[in-house]
């Protein structure tokens, strides 16, 4: 598993993306864990989620408010998502269960 501590400053966001390129098979399942206490929707920073195969012009099917203790799991290659603009510092963990392709003296790089 690969994990990073994610800090979004006020005004921070992350455009729509996938956590793994189709067919790369390096990141399989993505995890987001929210660490801010007493968060409400007015502070922004929601996770916008689209269904697999959604077009660029489609609207998100879900918006998840980053409430402390909340956890989101999604398929890394299939689920487009974005972090909306936050008005306050937003803290969380982003993690990915990976396929370890190490072998025969070759180490699987984190990329």
Protein backbone atom coordinates (compact mmCIF):
# COMPACT_ATOMS: atom_id res chain seq x y z
CA UNK A 1 0.00 0.00 0.00
CA UNK A 2 1.12 3.52 -0.83
CA UNK A 3 -0.17 6.36 1.40
CA UNK A 4 0.37 10.11 1.51
CA UNK A 5 -0.72 12.85 3.90
CA UNK A 6 -2.80 15.30 1.84
CA UNK A 7 -3.00 18.95 2.90
CA UNK A 8 -5.12 21.34 0.86
CA UNK A 9 -4.60 25.01 1.81
CA UNK A 10 -7.48 27.49 1.52
CA UNK A 11 -8.21 27.77 -2.21
CA UNK A 12 -6.73 24.30 -2.84
CA UNK A 13 -8.38 21.75 -5.12
CA UNK A 14 -7.54 18.77 -7.37
CA UNK A 15 -9.04 18.56 -10.87
CA UNK A 16 -10.95 15.51 -12.11
CA UNK A 17 -8.69 12.48 -12.53
CA UNK A 18 -8.23 8.73 -12.16
CA UNK A 19 -5.71 7.35 -9.68
CA UNK A 20 -4.32 4.84 -12.18
CA UNK A 21 -4.17 4.80 -15.95
CA UNK A 22 -6.33 2.12 -17.56
CA UNK A 23 -4.39 -1.10 -17.92
CA UNK A 24 -1.45 0.07 -15.78
CA UNK A 25 -2.58 -2.25 -12.98
CA UNK A 26 -0.36 -0.57 -10.41
CA UNK A 27 -2.97 1.11 -8.19
CA UNK A 28 -6.05 -1.05 -7.78
CA UNK A 29 -8.17 0.42 -4.94
CA UNK A 30 -8.01 4.02 -3.74
CA UNK A 31 -8.70 5.13 -0.17
CA UNK A 32 -9.44 8.62 1.12
CA UNK A 33 -9.65 9.20 4.89
CA UNK A 34 -10.73 12.58 6.26
CA UNK A 35 -8.96 14.04 9.31
CA UNK A 36 -10.56 17.46 9.97
CA UNK A 37 -12.93 17.66 12.91
CA UNK A 38 -16.19 19.61 12.80
CA UNK A 39 -16.17 20.04 9.01
CA UNK A 40 -19.30 21.24 7.26
CA UNK A 41 -20.30 21.62 3.64
CA UNK A 42 -19.91 25.43 3.70
CA UNK A 43 -16.12 24.98 3.96
CA UNK A 44 -15.96 23.31 0.54
CA UNK A 45 -13.42 20.61 -0.26
CA UNK A 46 -16.02 17.97 -1.15
CA UNK A 47 -14.97 14.92 -3.15
CA UNK A 48 -16.89 14.95 -6.43
CA UNK A 49 -17.35 11.47 -7.90
CA UNK A 50 -18.46 10.36 -11.37
CA UNK A 51 -19.47 6.84 -12.46
CA UNK A 52 -17.14 4.72 -14.54
CA UNK A 53 -17.15 5.89 -18.17
CA UNK A 54 -18.69 9.30 -17.45
CA UNK A 55 -17.89 11.99 -20.00
CA UNK A 56 -16.06 15.24 -19.27
CA UNK A 57 -19.34 17.20 -19.50
CA UNK A 58 -21.30 14.91 -17.15
CA UNK A 59 -22.12 16.20 -13.69
CA UNK A 60 -20.89 14.29 -10.63
CA UNK A 61 -23.25 11.65 -9.28
CA UNK A 62 -22.02 12.18 -5.70
CA UNK A 63 -20.42 14.89 -3.58
CA UNK A 64 -18.88 13.64 -0.36
CA UNK A 65 -18.28 16.22 2.38
CA UNK A 66 -14.88 15.54 4.05
CA UNK A 67 -16.20 14.96 7.57
CA UNK A 68 -13.58 13.80 10.09
CA UNK A 69 -13.41 10.02 10.37
CA UNK A 70 -15.07 9.49 6.99
CA UNK A 71 -13.53 7.02 4.56
CA UNK A 72 -14.08 6.55 0.82
CA UNK A 73 -12.95 3.52 -1.22
CA UNK A 74 -13.07 3.37 -5.03
CA UNK A 75 -11.54 1.47 -7.93
CA UNK A 76 -8.41 3.37 -8.97
CA UNK A 77 -8.64 2.74 -12.73
CA UNK A 78 -12.38 3.24 -13.06
CA UNK A 79 -13.80 6.03 -10.88
CA UNK A 80 -13.15 9.65 -11.92
CA UNK A 81 -13.08 12.06 -8.99
CA UNK A 82 -12.00 15.57 -8.00
CA UNK A 83 -11.53 17.65 -4.86
CA UNK A 84 -13.58 20.85 -4.97
CA UNK A 85 -12.10 24.17 -3.83
CA UNK A 86 -11.75 24.36 -0.04
CA UNK A 87 -12.08 27.56 1.97
CA UNK A 88 -10.07 26.22 4.95
CA UNK A 89 -7.12 23.87 5.43
CA UNK A 90 -8.33 20.36 4.55
CA UNK A 91 -6.46 17.34 5.94
CA UNK A 92 -6.64 13.75 4.87
CA UNK A 93 -4.89 10.58 3.88
CA UNK A 94 -4.83 9.32 0.31
CA UNK A 95 -3.84 5.72 -0.18
CA UNK A 96 -3.70 3.11 -2.90
CA UNK A 97 -3.59 -0.66 -2.68
CA UNK A 98 -1.07 -1.63 -5.31
CA UNK A 99 -0.11 -4.66 -7.32
CA UNK A 100 3.49 -5.46 -6.47
CA UNK A 101 5.22 -6.22 -9.74
CA UNK A 102 8.65 -6.68 -8.16
CA UNK A 103 10.56 -9.78 -9.05
CA UNK A 104 13.74 -11.14 -10.55
CA UNK A 105 15.80 -8.38 -8.97
CA UNK A 106 13.48 -5.60 -10.16
CA UNK A 107 11.90 -3.34 -7.54
CA UNK A 108 8.39 -1.98 -8.21
CA UNK A 109 8.76 1.83 -8.15
CA UNK A 110 6.05 3.98 -6.58
CA UNK A 111 4.58 5.83 -9.56
